[in-house]
């Protein structure tokens, strides 16, 4: 079993011997990186555009007349001391 685990963690595929094939595989790798970068860029821009359009088309909620007023509901919780039962 230890030999199998050693092979799994030390695996590295061999490079092709042909210089032309090495260059071709390098270009394929660069092309994959460019495609992933472009897709990520377009997805990010699409998300930003969607958020901007949604913000512009959504109705503005009613604003309070004063900016320093907080609106909320509050409940007062009283702490009752429990008897220890040592008496």
C-alpha atoms as a PDB file:
ATOM      1  CA  UNK A   1       0.000   0.000   0.000  1.00  0.00           C
ATOM      2  CA  UNK A   2       2.723   2.584   0.773  1.00  0.00           C
ATOM      3  CA  UNK A   3       4.204   2.034  -2.696  1.00  0.00           C
ATOM      4  CA  UNK A   4       0.850   2.790  -4.341  1.00  0.00           C
ATOM      5  CA  UNK A   5       0.430   6.034  -2.344  1.00  0.00           C
ATOM      6  CA  UNK A   6       3.985   7.047  -3.241  1.00  0.00           C
ATOM      7  CA  UNK A   7       3.216   6.533  -6.945  1.00  0.00           C
ATOM      8  CA  UNK A   8       0.020   8.601  -6.713  1.00  0.00           C
ATOM      9  CA  UNK A   9       1.698  11.614  -5.137  1.00  0.00           C
ATOM     10  CA  UNK A  10       4.868  11.530  -7.243  1.00  0.00           C
ATOM     11  CA  UNK A  11       3.218  11.030 -10.640  1.00  0.00           C
ATOM     12  CA  UNK A  12       4.365  13.445 -13.304  1.00  0.00           C
ATOM     13  CA  UNK A  13       3.552  12.811 -16.945  1.00  0.00           C
ATOM     14  CA  UNK A  14       6.545  12.716 -19.236  1.00  0.00           C
ATOM     15  CA  UNK A  15       7.085  15.471 -21.770  1.00  0.00           C
ATOM     16  CA  UNK A  16       6.907  14.452 -25.407  1.00  0.00           C
ATOM     17  CA  UNK A  17      10.270  14.041 -27.106  1.00  0.00           C
ATOM     18  CA  UNK A  18       9.284  15.854 -30.274  1.00  0.00           C
ATOM     19  CA  UNK A  19      10.014  19.582 -30.154  1.00  0.00           C
ATOM     20  CA  UNK A  20       7.067  20.276 -32.431  1.00  0.00           C
ATOM     21  CA  UNK A  21       4.705  18.375 -30.153  1.00  0.00           C
ATOM     22  CA  UNK A  22       6.076  20.195 -27.095  1.00  0.00           C
ATOM     23  CA  UNK A  23       5.414  23.558 -28.740  1.00  0.00           C
ATOM     24  CA  UNK A  24       1.946  22.441 -29.840  1.00  0.00           C
ATOM     25  CA  UNK A  25       1.002  21.269 -26.333  1.00  0.00           C
ATOM     26  CA  UNK A  26       2.367  24.502 -24.860  1.00  0.00           C
ATOM     27  CA  UNK A  27       0.211  26.534 -27.243  1.00  0.00           C
ATOM     28  CA  UNK A  28      -2.825  24.404 -26.371  1.00  0.00           C
ATOM     29  CA  UNK A  29      -2.196  25.123 -22.687  1.00  0.00           C
ATOM     30  CA  UNK A  30      -1.896  28.863 -23.319  1.00  0.00           C
ATOM     31  CA  UNK A  31      -5.095  28.779 -25.410  1.00  0.00           C
ATOM     32  CA  UNK A  32      -6.975  27.020 -22.602  1.00  0.00           C
ATOM     33  CA  UNK A  33      -5.782  29.677 -20.129  1.00  0.00           C
ATOM     34  CA  UNK A  34      -6.889  32.496 -22.459  1.00  0.00           C
ATOM     35  CA  UNK A  35     -10.315  30.901 -22.930  1.00  0.00           C
ATOM     36  CA  UNK A  36     -10.778  30.480 -19.167  1.00  0.00           C
ATOM     37  CA  UNK A  37      -9.717  34.080 -18.575  1.00  0.00           C
ATOM     38  CA  UNK A  38     -12.123  35.376 -21.237  1.00  0.00           C
ATOM     39  CA  UNK A  39     -15.031  33.309 -19.898  1.00  0.00           C
ATOM     40  CA  UNK A  40     -14.348  34.512 -16.354  1.00  0.00           C
ATOM     41  CA  UNK A  41     -14.142  38.107 -17.541  1.00  0.00           C
ATOM     42  CA  UNK A  42     -17.443  37.897 -19.416  1.00  0.00           C
ATOM     43  CA  UNK A  43     -19.188  36.164 -16.527  1.00  0.00           C
ATOM     44  CA  UNK A  44     -17.961  38.850 -14.113  1.00  0.00           C
ATOM     45  CA  UNK A  45     -18.989  41.674 -16.431  1.00  0.00           C
ATOM     46  CA  UNK A  46     -22.375  40.031 -16.947  1.00  0.00           C
ATOM     47  CA  UNK A  47     -22.920  39.858 -13.198  1.00  0.00           C
ATOM     48  CA  UNK A  48     -22.009  43.526 -12.785  1.00  0.00           C
ATOM     49  CA  UNK A  49     -24.261  44.535 -15.681  1.00  0.00           C
ATOM     50  CA  UNK A  50     -27.153  42.496 -14.264  1.00  0.00           C
ATOM     51  CA  UNK A  51     -26.740  44.153 -10.852  1.00  0.00           C
ATOM     52  CA  UNK A  52     -26.614  47.624 -12.408  1.00  0.00           C
ATOM     53  CA  UNK A  53     -29.748  47.034 -14.509  1.00  0.00           C
ATOM     54  CA  UNK A  54     -31.578  45.542 -11.543  1.00  0.00           C
ATOM     55  CA  UNK A  55     -30.653  48.496  -9.360  1.00  0.00           C
ATOM     56  CA  UNK A  56     -31.822  50.986 -11.992  1.00  0.00           C
ATOM     57  CA  UNK A  57     -35.135  49.255 -12.695  1.00  0.00           C
ATOM     58  CA  UNK A  58     -36.064  48.476  -9.086  1.00  0.00           C
ATOM     59  CA  UNK A  59     -38.366  50.964  -7.375  1.00  0.00           C
ATOM     60  CA  UNK A  60     -36.695  52.993  -4.672  1.00  0.00           C
ATOM     61  CA  UNK A  61     -37.970  52.214  -1.180  1.00  0.00           C
ATOM     62  CA  UNK A  62     -39.494  55.086   0.788  1.00  0.00           C
ATOM     63  CA  UNK A  63     -36.761  56.966   2.588  1.00  0.00           C
ATOM     64  CA  UNK A  64     -37.254  58.494   6.000  1.00  0.00           C
ATOM     65  CA  UNK A  65     -37.145  62.258   6.301  1.00  0.00           C
ATOM     66  CA  UNK A  66     -34.116  62.179   8.568  1.00  0.00           C
ATOM     67  CA  UNK A  67     -30.974  60.143   7.987  1.00  0.00           C
ATOM     68  CA  UNK A  68     -30.241  59.734  11.706  1.00  0.00           C
ATOM     69  CA  UNK A  69     -33.499  57.920  12.537  1.00  0.00           C
ATOM     70  CA  UNK A  70     -33.437  54.154  12.994  1.00  0.00           C
ATOM     71  CA  UNK A  71     -36.700  52.288  12.655  1.00  0.00           C
ATOM     72  CA  UNK A  72     -37.144  48.962  14.369  1.00  0.00           C
ATOM     73  CA  UNK A  73     -38.994  46.842  16.870  1.00  0.00           C
ATOM     74  CA  UNK A  74     -37.501  46.231  20.256  1.00  0.00           C
ATOM     75  CA  UNK A  75     -38.283  43.840  23.078  1.00  0.00           C
ATOM     76  CA  UNK A  76     -37.042  44.379  26.616  1.00  0.00           C
ATOM     77  CA  UNK A  77     -35.702  41.173  28.125  1.00  0.00           C
ATOM     78  CA  UNK A  78     -35.346  41.171  31.874  1.00  0.00           C
ATOM     79  CA  UNK A  79     -32.787  38.941  33.506  1.00  0.00           C
ATOM     80  CA  UNK A  80     -34.187  37.162  36.554  1.00  0.00           C
ATOM     81  CA  UNK A  81     -31.654  35.784  38.950  1.00  0.00           C
ATOM     82  CA  UNK A  82     -32.334  32.135  39.619  1.00  0.00           C
ATOM     83  CA  UNK A  83     -32.068  30.909  43.197  1.00  0.00           C
ATOM     84  CA  UNK A  84     -29.052  28.733  43.816  1.00  0.00           C
ATOM     85  CA  UNK A  85     -30.862  26.395  46.177  1.00  0.00           C
ATOM     86  CA  UNK A  86     -28.130  26.563  48.822  1.00  0.00           C
ATOM     87  CA  UNK A  87     -30.380  27.914  51.595  1.00  0.00           C
END
